[in-house]
Amino acid sequence: MQTAQEKQLRYQIQCPGLPLAVYREVAVHLRQVEGVETGLIPQQSQRFDYSDSQVGALWIQYPEGFDLADRERVDRILAYYGDRYSAWESLVICY
């Protein structure tokens, strides 16, 4: 449960064409970092295309004041998948 003193940083990223299974793998990998929460946002397109991902975006959330070492670990995990598939695109940042 979030209290008034616990501000959270939440943002959304996407990697167009990334398969659902890889999005799930990334989400699980990120949740191994203490304090990180993740989830998948379904594709919103009304047009079907085999080359499109079933996932519209991945949201990532962690507390304000998140440890720098853990933040760097999140960045390394995202870089690992970005290097293997395609660069991540930032969509939304919410506080």
PDB file of N, CA and C in Angstrom:
ATOM      1  N   MET A   1       0.838  -1.182   0.000  1.00  0.00           N
ATOM      2  CA  MET A   1       0.000   0.000   0.000  1.00  0.00           C
ATOM      3  C   MET A   1       0.881   1.242   0.000  1.00  0.00           C
ATOM      4  N   GLN A   2       0.577   2.187  -0.849  1.00  0.00           N
ATOM      5  CA  GLN A   2       1.351   3.408  -0.946  1.00  0.00           C
ATOM      6  C   GLN A   2       0.811   4.453   0.018  1.00  0.00           C
ATOM      7  N   THR A   3       1.697   5.046   0.806  1.00  0.00           N
ATOM      8  CA  THR A   3       1.287   6.104   1.725  1.00  0.00           C
ATOM      9  C   THR A   3       1.633   7.455   1.112  1.00  0.00           C
ATOM     10  N   ALA A   4       1.197   8.514   1.766  1.00  0.00           N
ATOM     11  CA  ALA A   4       1.450   9.862   1.252  1.00  0.00           C
ATOM     12  C   ALA A   4       2.944  10.165   1.186  1.00  0.00           C
ATOM     13  N   GLN A   5       3.737   9.562   2.056  1.00  0.00           N
ATOM     14  CA  GLN A   5       5.168   9.827   2.074  1.00  0.00           C
ATOM     15  C   GLN A   5       5.930   9.042   0.999  1.00  0.00           C
ATOM     16  N   GLU A   6       5.330   8.024   0.431  1.00  0.00           N
ATOM     17  CA  GLU A   6       6.019   7.180  -0.543  1.00  0.00           C
ATOM     18  C   GLU A   6       5.645   7.583  -1.961  1.00  0.00           C
ATOM     19  N   LYS A   7       6.457   8.433  -2.564  1.00  0.00           N
ATOM     20  CA  LYS A   7       6.217   8.796  -3.952  1.00  0.00           C
ATOM     21  C   LYS A   7       6.831   7.724  -4.845  1.00  0.00           C
ATOM     22  N   GLN A   8       6.167   7.453  -5.938  1.00  0.00           N
ATOM     23  CA  GLN A   8       6.629   6.443  -6.877  1.00  0.00           C
ATOM     24  C   GLN A   8       6.934   7.099  -8.223  1.00  0.00           C
ATOM     25  N   LEU A   9       7.966   6.605  -8.892  1.00  0.00           N
ATOM     26  CA  LEU A   9       8.257   7.013 -10.253  1.00  0.00           C
ATOM     27  C   LEU A   9       7.834   5.869 -11.153  1.00  0.00           C
ATOM     28  N   ARG A  10       7.016   6.177 -12.137  1.00  0.00           N
ATOM     29  CA  ARG A  10       6.531   5.138 -13.054  1.00  0.00           C
ATOM     30  C   ARG A  10       6.702   5.635 -14.481  1.00  0.00           C
ATOM     31  N   TYR A  11       7.238   4.792 -15.323  1.00  0.00           N
ATOM     32  CA  TYR A  11       7.356   5.172 -16.718  1.00  0.00           C
ATOM     33  C   TYR A  11       7.063   3.988 -17.616  1.00  0.00           C
ATOM     34  N   GLN A  12       6.799   4.294 -18.893  1.00  0.00           N
ATOM     35  CA  GLN A  12       6.462   3.273 -19.874  1.00  0.00           C
ATOM     36  C   GLN A  12       7.475   3.311 -21.000  1.00  0.00           C
ATOM     37  N   ILE A  13       7.869   2.127 -21.440  1.00  0.00           N
ATOM     38  CA  ILE A  13       8.781   2.008 -22.567  1.00  0.00           C
ATOM     39  C   ILE A  13       8.230   0.960 -23.519  1.00  0.00           C
ATOM     40  N   GLN A  14       8.688   1.037 -24.755  1.00  0.00           N
ATOM     41  CA  GLN A  14       8.289   0.024 -25.722  1.00  0.00           C
ATOM     42  C   GLN A  14       9.448  -0.298 -26.646  1.00  0.00           C
ATOM     43  N   CYS A  15       9.362  -1.456 -27.238  1.00  0.00           N
ATOM     44  CA  CYS A  15      10.317  -1.904 -28.243  1.00  0.00           C
ATOM     45  C   CYS A  15       9.458  -2.511 -29.354  1.00  0.00           C
ATOM     46  N   PRO A  16       9.122  -1.720 -30.369  1.00  0.00           N
ATOM     47  CA  PRO A  16       8.200  -2.187 -31.404  1.00  0.00           C
ATOM     48  C   PRO A  16       8.636  -3.531 -32.006  1.00  0.00           C
ATOM     49  N   GLY A  17       7.679  -4.429 -32.123  1.00  0.00           N
ATOM     50  CA  GLY A  17       7.950  -5.735 -32.708  1.00  0.00           C
ATOM     51  C   GLY A  17       8.495  -6.769 -31.743  1.00  0.00           C
ATOM     52  N   LEU A  18       8.775  -6.372 -30.504  1.00  0.00           N
ATOM     53  CA  LEU A  18       9.306  -7.318 -29.523  1.00  0.00           C
ATOM     54  C   LEU A  18       8.226  -8.333 -29.155  1.00  0.00           C
ATOM     55  N   PRO A  19       8.532  -9.625 -29.212  1.00  0.00           N
ATOM     56  CA  PRO A  19       7.523 -10.646 -28.910  1.00  0.00           C
ATOM     57  C   PRO A  19       7.048 -10.598 -27.449  1.00  0.00           C
ATOM     58  N   LEU A  20       5.825 -11.055 -27.246  1.00  0.00           N
ATOM     59  CA  LEU A  20       5.221 -11.112 -25.918  1.00  0.00           C
ATOM     60  C   LEU A  20       6.113 -11.852 -24.926  1.00  0.00           C
ATOM     61  N   ALA A  21       6.669 -12.984 -25.330  1.00  0.00           N
ATOM     62  CA  ALA A  21       7.507 -13.783 -24.425  1.00  0.00           C
ATOM     63  C   ALA A  21       8.721 -12.998 -23.941  1.00  0.00           C
ATOM     64  N   VAL A  22       9.304 -12.182 -24.811  1.00  0.00           N
ATOM     65  CA  VAL A  22      10.482 -11.400 -24.416  1.00  0.00           C
ATOM     66  C   VAL A  22      10.069 -10.273 -23.473  1.00  0.00           C
ATOM     67  N   TYR A  23       8.941  -9.623 -23.743  1.00  0.00           N
ATOM     68  CA  TYR A  23       8.434  -8.609 -22.808  1.00  0.00           C
ATOM     69  C   TYR A  23       8.241  -9.222 -21.422  1.00  0.00           C
ATOM     70  N   ARG A  24       7.662 -10.416 -21.386  1.00  0.00           N
ATOM     71  CA  ARG A  24       7.452 -11.084 -20.093  1.00  0.00           C
ATOM     72  C   ARG A  24       8.781 -11.380 -19.411  1.00  0.00           C
ATOM     73  N   GLU A  25       9.754 -11.822 -20.184  1.00  0.00           N
ATOM     74  CA  GLU A  25      11.080 -12.117 -19.627  1.00  0.00           C
ATOM     75  C   GLU A  25      11.716 -10.852 -19.049  1.00  0.00           C
ATOM     76  N   VAL A  26      11.623  -9.747 -19.780  1.00  0.00           N
ATOM     77  CA  VAL A  26      12.176  -8.474 -19.303  1.00  0.00           C
ATOM     78  C   VAL A  26      11.484  -8.059 -18.001  1.00  0.00           C
ATOM     79  N   ALA A  27      10.156  -8.158 -17.963  1.00  0.00           N
ATOM     80  CA  ALA A  27       9.400  -7.769 -16.765  1.00  0.00           C
ATOM     81  C   ALA A  27       9.829  -8.586 -15.553  1.00  0.00           C
ATOM     82  N   VAL A  28       9.973  -9.887 -15.736  1.00  0.00           N
ATOM     83  CA  VAL A  28      10.386 -10.758 -14.626  1.00  0.00           C
ATOM     84  C   VAL A  28      11.815 -10.442 -14.203  1.00  0.00           C
ATOM     85  N   HIS A  29      12.682 -10.219 -15.167  1.00  0.00           N
ATOM     86  CA  HIS A  29      14.079  -9.892 -14.872  1.00  0.00           C
ATOM     87  C   HIS A  29      14.159  -8.597 -14.058  1.00  0.00           C
ATOM     88  N   LEU A  30      13.390  -7.593 -14.446  1.00  0.00           N
ATOM     89  CA  LEU A  30      13.399  -6.317 -13.722  1.00  0.00           C
ATOM     90  C   LEU A  30      12.850  -6.452 -12.307  1.00  0.00           C
ATOM     91  N   ARG A  31      11.847  -7.300 -12.123  1.00  0.00           N
ATOM     92  CA  ARG A  31      11.262  -7.477 -10.782  1.00  0.00           C
ATOM     93  C   ARG A  31      12.217  -8.161  -9.815  1.00  0.00           C
ATOM     94  N   GLN A  32      13.312  -8.695 -10.317  1.00  0.00           N
ATOM     95  CA  GLN A  32      14.319  -9.275  -9.430  1.00  0.00           C
ATOM     96  C   GLN A  32      15.090  -8.194  -8.678  1.00  0.00           C
ATOM     97  N   VAL A  33      14.994  -6.955  -9.149  1.00  0.00           N
ATOM     98  CA  VAL A  33      15.624  -5.825  -8.462  1.00  0.00           C
ATOM     99  C   VAL A  33      14.653  -5.369  -7.374  1.00  0.00           C
ATOM    100  N   GLU A  34      15.134  -5.341  -6.130  1.00  0.00           N
ATOM    101  CA  GLU A  34      14.265  -4.993  -5.003  1.00  0.00           C
ATOM    102  C   GLU A  34      13.656  -3.608  -5.172  1.00  0.00           C
ATOM    103  N   GLY A  35      12.335  -3.522  -4.997  1.00  0.00           N
ATOM    104  CA  GLY A  35      11.619  -2.256  -5.096  1.00  0.00           C
ATOM    105  C   GLY A  35      11.016  -1.988  -6.462  1.00  0.00           C
ATOM    106  N   VAL A  36      11.381  -2.787  -7.463  1.00  0.00           N
ATOM    107  CA  VAL A  36      10.883  -2.570  -8.821  1.00  0.00           C
ATOM    108  C   VAL A  36       9.597  -3.361  -9.036  1.00  0.00           C
ATOM    109  N   GLU A  37       8.619  -2.685  -9.613  1.00  0.00           N
ATOM    110  CA  GLU A  37       7.378  -3.331 -10.032  1.00  0.00           C
ATOM    111  C   GLU A  37       7.240  -3.107 -11.533  1.00  0.00           C
ATOM    112  N   THR A  38       6.661  -4.079 -12.236  1.00  0.00           N
ATOM    113  CA  THR A  38       6.493  -3.966 -13.681  1.00  0.00           C
ATOM    114  C   THR A  38       5.140  -4.517 -14.103  1.00  0.00           C
ATOM    115  N   GLY A  39       4.757  -4.193 -15.305  1.00  0.00           N
ATOM    116  CA  GLY A  39       3.540  -4.743 -15.881  1.00  0.00           C
ATOM    117  C   GLY A  39       3.524  -4.492 -17.375  1.00  0.00           C
ATOM    118  N   LEU A  40       2.664  -5.224 -18.067  1.00  0.00           N
ATOM    119  CA  LEU A  40       2.547  -5.093 -19.516  1.00  0.00           C
ATOM    120  C   LEU A  40       1.250  -4.380 -19.872  1.00  0.00           C
ATOM    121  N   ILE A  41       1.321  -3.515 -20.865  1.00  0.00           N
ATOM    122  CA  ILE A  41       0.161  -2.800 -21.369  1.00  0.00           C
ATOM    123  C   ILE A  41      -0.171  -3.402 -22.732  1.00  0.00           C
ATOM    124  N   PRO A  42      -1.402  -3.859 -22.922  1.00  0.00           N
ATOM    125  CA  PRO A  42      -1.764  -4.498 -24.192  1.00  0.00           C
ATOM    126  C   PRO A  42      -1.660  -3.548 -25.387  1.00  0.00           C
ATOM    127  N   GLN A  43      -1.455  -4.117 -26.541  1.00  0.00           N
ATOM    128  CA  GLN A  43      -1.429  -3.364 -27.796  1.00  0.00           C
ATOM    129  C   GLN A  43      -2.799  -2.726 -28.020  1.00  0.00           C
ATOM    130  N   GLN A  44      -2.832  -1.458 -28.382  1.00  0.00           N
ATOM    131  CA  GLN A  44      -4.097  -0.737 -28.565  1.00  0.00           C
ATOM    132  C   GLN A  44      -4.491  -0.575 -30.032  1.00  0.00           C
ATOM    133  N   SER A  45      -3.631  -0.972 -30.929  1.00  0.00           N
ATOM    134  CA  SER A  45      -3.894  -0.786 -32.356  1.00  0.00           C
ATOM    135  C   SER A  45      -5.125  -1.574 -32.799  1.00  0.00           C
ATOM    136  N   GLN A  46      -5.937  -0.959 -33.620  1.00  0.00           N
ATOM    137  CA  GLN A  46      -7.113  -1.621 -34.183  1.00  0.00           C
ATOM    138  C   GLN A  46      -6.751  -2.404 -35.448  1.00  0.00           C
ATOM    139  N   ARG A  47      -5.549  -2.171 -35.954  1.00  0.00           N
ATOM    140  CA  ARG A  47      -5.087  -2.810 -37.179  1.00  0.00           C
ATOM    141  C   ARG A  47      -4.184  -3.979 -36.817  1.00  0.00           C
ATOM    142  N   PHE A  48      -4.447  -5.147 -37.391  1.00  0.00           N
ATOM    143  CA  PHE A  48      -3.618  -6.319 -37.121  1.00  0.00           C
ATOM    144  C   PHE A  48      -2.457  -6.364 -38.103  1.00  0.00           C
ATOM    145  N   ASP A  49      -1.271  -6.647 -37.574  1.00  0.00           N
ATOM    146  CA  ASP A  49      -0.079  -6.805 -38.399  1.00  0.00           C
ATOM    147  C   ASP A  49       0.800  -7.842 -37.717  1.00  0.00           C
ATOM    148  N   TYR A  50       1.207  -8.855 -38.470  1.00  0.00           N
ATOM    149  CA  TYR A  50       2.026  -9.919 -37.894  1.00  0.00           C
ATOM    150  C   TYR A  50       3.337  -9.401 -37.309  1.00  0.00           C
ATOM    151  N   SER A  51       3.846  -8.297 -37.843  1.00  0.00           N
ATOM    152  CA  SER A  51       5.129  -7.780 -37.356  1.00  0.00           C
ATOM    153  C   SER A  51       4.989  -6.944 -36.084  1.00  0.00           C
ATOM    154  N   ASP A  52       3.758  -6.608 -35.705  1.00  0.00           N
ATOM    155  CA  ASP A  52       3.541  -5.842 -34.474  1.00  0.00           C
ATOM    156  C   ASP A  52       3.579  -6.755 -33.255  1.00  0.00           C
ATOM    157  N   SER A  53       3.997  -6.200 -32.144  1.00  0.00           N
ATOM    158  CA  SER A  53       3.991  -6.932 -30.881  1.00  0.00           C
ATOM    159  C   SER A  53       2.573  -6.999 -30.326  1.00  0.00           C
ATOM    160  N   GLN A  54       2.304  -8.023 -29.528  1.00  0.00           N
ATOM    161  CA  GLN A  54       1.027  -8.106 -28.824  1.00  0.00           C
ATOM    162  C   GLN A  54       1.003  -7.139 -27.638  1.00  0.00           C
ATOM    163  N   VAL A  55       2.159  -6.600 -27.297  1.00  0.00           N
ATOM    164  CA  VAL A  55       2.295  -5.708 -26.148  1.00  0.00           C
ATOM    165  C   VAL A  55       2.473  -4.281 -26.645  1.00  0.00           C
ATOM    166  N   GLY A  56       1.730  -3.354 -26.036  1.00  0.00           N
ATOM    167  CA  GLY A  56       1.864  -1.951 -26.393  1.00  0.00           C
ATOM    168  C   GLY A  56       3.026  -1.286 -25.682  1.00  0.00           C
ATOM    169  N   ALA A  57       3.268  -1.681 -24.427  1.00  0.00           N
ATOM    170  CA  ALA A  57       4.353  -1.086 -23.647  1.00  0.00           C
ATOM    171  C   ALA A  57       4.590  -1.892 -22.371  1.00  0.00           C
ATOM    172  N   LEU A  58       5.716  -1.630 -21.769  1.00  0.00           N
ATOM    173  CA  LEU A  58       6.088  -2.188 -20.469  1.00  0.00           C
ATOM    174  C   LEU A  58       6.145  -1.016 -19.500  1.00  0.00           C
ATOM    175  N   TRP A  59       5.432  -1.112 -18.371  1.00  0.00           N
ATOM    176  CA  TRP A  59       5.566  -0.054 -17.367  1.00  0.00           C
ATOM    177  C   TRP A  59       6.504  -0.542 -16.269  1.00  0.00           C
ATOM    178  N   ILE A  60       7.278   0.398 -15.767  1.00  0.00           N
ATOM    179  CA  ILE A  60       8.255   0.122 -14.712  1.00  0.00           C
ATOM    180  C   ILE A  60       8.035   1.161 -13.625  1.00  0.00           C
ATOM    181  N   GLN A  61       8.005   0.711 -12.388  1.00  0.00           N
ATOM    182  CA  GLN A  61       7.774   1.623 -11.261  1.00  0.00           C
ATOM    183  C   GLN A  61       8.742   1.298 -10.142  1.00  0.00           C
ATOM    184  N   TYR A  62       9.268   2.349  -9.538  1.00  0.00           N
ATOM    185  CA  TYR A  62      10.104   2.183  -8.356  1.00  0.00           C
ATOM    186  C   TYR A  62       9.961   3.415  -7.482  1.00  0.00           C
ATOM    187  N   PRO A  63      10.296   3.297  -6.202  1.00  0.00           N
ATOM    188  CA  PRO A  63      10.088   4.414  -5.282  1.00  0.00           C
ATOM    189  C   PRO A  63      11.023   5.590  -5.559  1.00  0.00           C
ATOM    190  N   GLU A  64      10.543   6.782  -5.236  1.00  0.00           N
ATOM    191  CA  GLU A  64      11.396   7.967  -5.314  1.00  0.00           C
ATOM    192  C   GLU A  64      12.547   7.758  -4.341  1.00  0.00           C
ATOM    193  N   GLY A  65      13.735   8.162  -4.712  1.00  0.00           N
ATOM    194  CA  GLY A  65      14.894   7.935  -3.859  1.00  0.00           C
ATOM    195  C   GLY A  65      15.450   6.533  -4.023  1.00  0.00           C
ATOM    196  N   PHE A  66      15.047   5.860  -5.090  1.00  0.00           N
ATOM    197  CA  PHE A  66      15.510   4.512  -5.407  1.00  0.00           C
ATOM    198  C   PHE A  66      17.033   4.498  -5.430  1.00  0.00           C
ATOM    199  N   ASP A  67      17.628   3.490  -4.834  1.00  0.00           N
ATOM    200  CA  ASP A  67      19.076   3.358  -4.721  1.00  0.00           C
ATOM    201  C   ASP A  67      19.750   3.452  -6.095  1.00  0.00           C
ATOM    202  N   LEU A  68      20.812   4.246  -6.193  1.00  0.00           N
ATOM    203  CA  LEU A  68      21.511   4.446  -7.461  1.00  0.00           C
ATOM    204  C   LEU A  68      22.039   3.130  -8.031  1.00  0.00           C
ATOM    205  N   ALA A  69      22.572   2.271  -7.192  1.00  0.00           N
ATOM    206  CA  ALA A  69      23.093   0.982  -7.669  1.00  0.00           C
ATOM    207  C   ALA A  69      21.971   0.138  -8.275  1.00  0.00           C
ATOM    208  N   ASP A  70      20.800   0.159  -7.661  1.00  0.00           N
ATOM    209  CA  ASP A  70      19.665  -0.587  -8.207  1.00  0.00           C
ATOM    210  C   ASP A  70      19.166   0.046  -9.503  1.00  0.00           C
ATOM    211  N   ARG A  71      19.188   1.377  -9.569  1.00  0.00           N
ATOM    212  CA  ARG A  71      18.788   2.077 -10.804  1.00  0.00           C
ATOM    213  C   ARG A  71      19.728   1.691 -11.943  1.00  0.00           C
ATOM    214  N   GLU A  72      21.023   1.616 -11.652  1.00  0.00           N
ATOM    215  CA  GLU A  72      21.998   1.208 -12.667  1.00  0.00           C
ATOM    216  C   GLU A  72      21.765  -0.241 -13.090  1.00  0.00           C
ATOM    217  N   ARG A  73      21.344  -1.073 -12.156  1.00  0.00           N
ATOM    218  CA  ARG A  73      21.043  -2.466 -12.487  1.00  0.00           C
ATOM    219  C   ARG A  73      19.848  -2.538 -13.446  1.00  0.00           C
ATOM    220  N   VAL A  74      18.823  -1.738 -13.190  1.00  0.00           N
ATOM    221  CA  VAL A  74      17.672  -1.666 -14.098  1.00  0.00           C
ATOM    222  C   VAL A  74      18.138  -1.229 -15.485  1.00  0.00           C
ATOM    223  N   ASP A  75      18.981  -0.198 -15.539  1.00  0.00           N
ATOM    224  CA  ASP A  75      19.497   0.287 -16.822  1.00  0.00           C
ATOM    225  C   ASP A  75      20.292  -0.791 -17.556  1.00  0.00           C
ATOM    226  N   ARG A  76      21.086  -1.569 -16.828  1.00  0.00           N
ATOM    227  CA  ARG A  76      21.872  -2.642 -17.460  1.00  0.00           C
ATOM    228  C   ARG A  76      20.966  -3.735 -18.017  1.00  0.00           C
ATOM    229  N   ILE A  77      19.914  -4.068 -17.280  1.00  0.00           N
ATOM    230  CA  ILE A  77      18.967  -5.086 -17.760  1.00  0.00           C
ATOM    231  C   ILE A  77      18.309  -4.600 -19.050  1.00  0.00           C
ATOM    232  N   LEU A  78      17.850  -3.357 -19.060  1.00  0.00           N
ATOM    233  CA  LEU A  78      17.215  -2.817 -20.262  1.00  0.00           C
ATOM    234  C   LEU A  78      18.206  -2.724 -21.419  1.00  0.00           C
ATOM    235  N   ALA A  79      19.445  -2.358 -21.128  1.00  0.00           N
ATOM    236  CA  ALA A  79      20.471  -2.287 -22.175  1.00  0.00           C
ATOM    237  C   ALA A  79      20.746  -3.665 -22.764  1.00  0.00           C
ATOM    238  N   TYR A  80      20.762  -4.686 -21.919  1.00  0.00           N
ATOM    239  CA  TYR A  80      20.994  -6.055 -22.383  1.00  0.00           C
ATOM    240  C   TYR A  80      19.960  -6.438 -23.446  1.00  0.00           C
ATOM    241  N   TYR A  81      18.687  -6.226 -23.137  1.00  0.00           N
ATOM    242  CA  TYR A  81      17.630  -6.584 -24.091  1.00  0.00           C
ATOM    243  C   TYR A  81      17.606  -5.628 -25.286  1.00  0.00           C
ATOM    244  N   GLY A  82      17.899  -4.366 -25.045  1.00  0.00           N
ATOM    245  CA  GLY A  82      17.952  -3.399 -26.139  1.00  0.00           C
ATOM    246  C   GLY A  82      19.038  -3.730 -27.143  1.00  0.00           C
ATOM    247  N   ASP A  83      20.180  -4.211 -26.660  1.00  0.00           N
ATOM    248  CA  ASP A  83      21.281  -4.597 -27.550  1.00  0.00           C
ATOM    249  C   ASP A  83      20.917  -5.814 -28.391  1.00  0.00           C
ATOM    250  N   ARG A  84      20.135  -6.713 -27.846  1.00  0.00           N
ATOM    251  CA  ARG A  84      19.810  -7.954 -28.546  1.00  0.00           C
ATOM    252  C   ARG A  84      18.632  -7.821 -29.498  1.00  0.00           C
ATOM    253  N   TYR A  85      17.733  -6.901 -29.219  1.00  0.00           N
ATOM    254  CA  TYR A  85      16.521  -6.796 -30.036  1.00  0.00           C
ATOM    255  C   TYR A  85      16.459  -5.467 -30.772  1.00  0.00           C
ATOM    256  N   SER A  86      16.215  -4.413 -30.058  1.00  0.00           N
ATOM    257  CA  SER A  86      16.123  -3.087 -30.658  1.00  0.00           C
ATOM    258  C   SER A  86      16.030  -2.074 -29.520  1.00  0.00           C
ATOM    259  N   ALA A  87      16.340  -0.831 -29.829  1.00  0.00           N
ATOM    260  CA  ALA A  87      16.368   0.202 -28.789  1.00  0.00           C
ATOM    261  C   ALA A  87      14.986   0.422 -28.176  1.00  0.00           C
ATOM    262  N   TRP A  88      14.981   0.683 -26.868  1.00  0.00           N
ATOM    263  CA  TRP A  88      13.741   0.990 -26.155  1.00  0.00           C
ATOM    264  C   TRP A  88      13.337   2.419 -26.462  1.00  0.00           C
ATOM    265  N   GLU A  89      12.046   2.660 -26.533  1.00  0.00           N
ATOM    266  CA  GLU A  89      11.510   4.008 -26.713  1.00  0.00           C
ATOM    267  C   GLU A  89      10.728   4.382 -25.458  1.00  0.00           C
ATOM    268  N   SER A  90      11.021   5.547 -24.894  1.00  0.00           N
ATOM    269  CA  SER A  90      10.270   6.034 -23.728  1.00  0.00           C
ATOM    270  C   SER A  90       8.949   6.614 -24.200  1.00  0.00           C
ATOM    271  N   LEU A  91       7.878   6.287 -23.490  1.00  0.00           N
ATOM    272  CA  LEU A  91       6.553   6.775 -23.862  1.00  0.00           C
ATOM    273  C   LEU A  91       6.018   7.799 -22.878  1.00  0.00           C
ATOM    274  N   VAL A  92       5.966   7.446 -21.592  1.00  0.00           N
ATOM    275  CA  VAL A  92       5.340   8.292 -20.581  1.00  0.00           C
ATOM    276  C   VAL A  92       6.138   8.187 -19.292  1.00  0.00           C
ATOM    277  N   ILE A  93       6.287   9.311 -18.617  1.00  0.00           N
ATOM    278  CA  ILE A  93       6.883   9.310 -17.284  1.00  0.00           C
ATOM    279  C   ILE A  93       5.869   9.949 -16.346  1.00  0.00           C
ATOM    280  N   CYS A  94       5.530   9.239 -15.280  1.00  0.00           N
ATOM    281  CA  CYS A  94       4.544   9.727 -14.305  1.00  0.00           C
ATOM    282  C   CYS A  94       5.171   9.727 -12.920  1.00  0.00           C
ATOM    283  N   TYR A  95       4.777  10.674 -12.100  1.00  0.00           N
ATOM    284  CA  TYR A  95       5.242  10.720 -10.715  1.00  0.00           C
ATOM    285  C   TYR A  95       4.094  10.461  -9.792  1.00  0.00           C
TER     286      TYR A  95
END
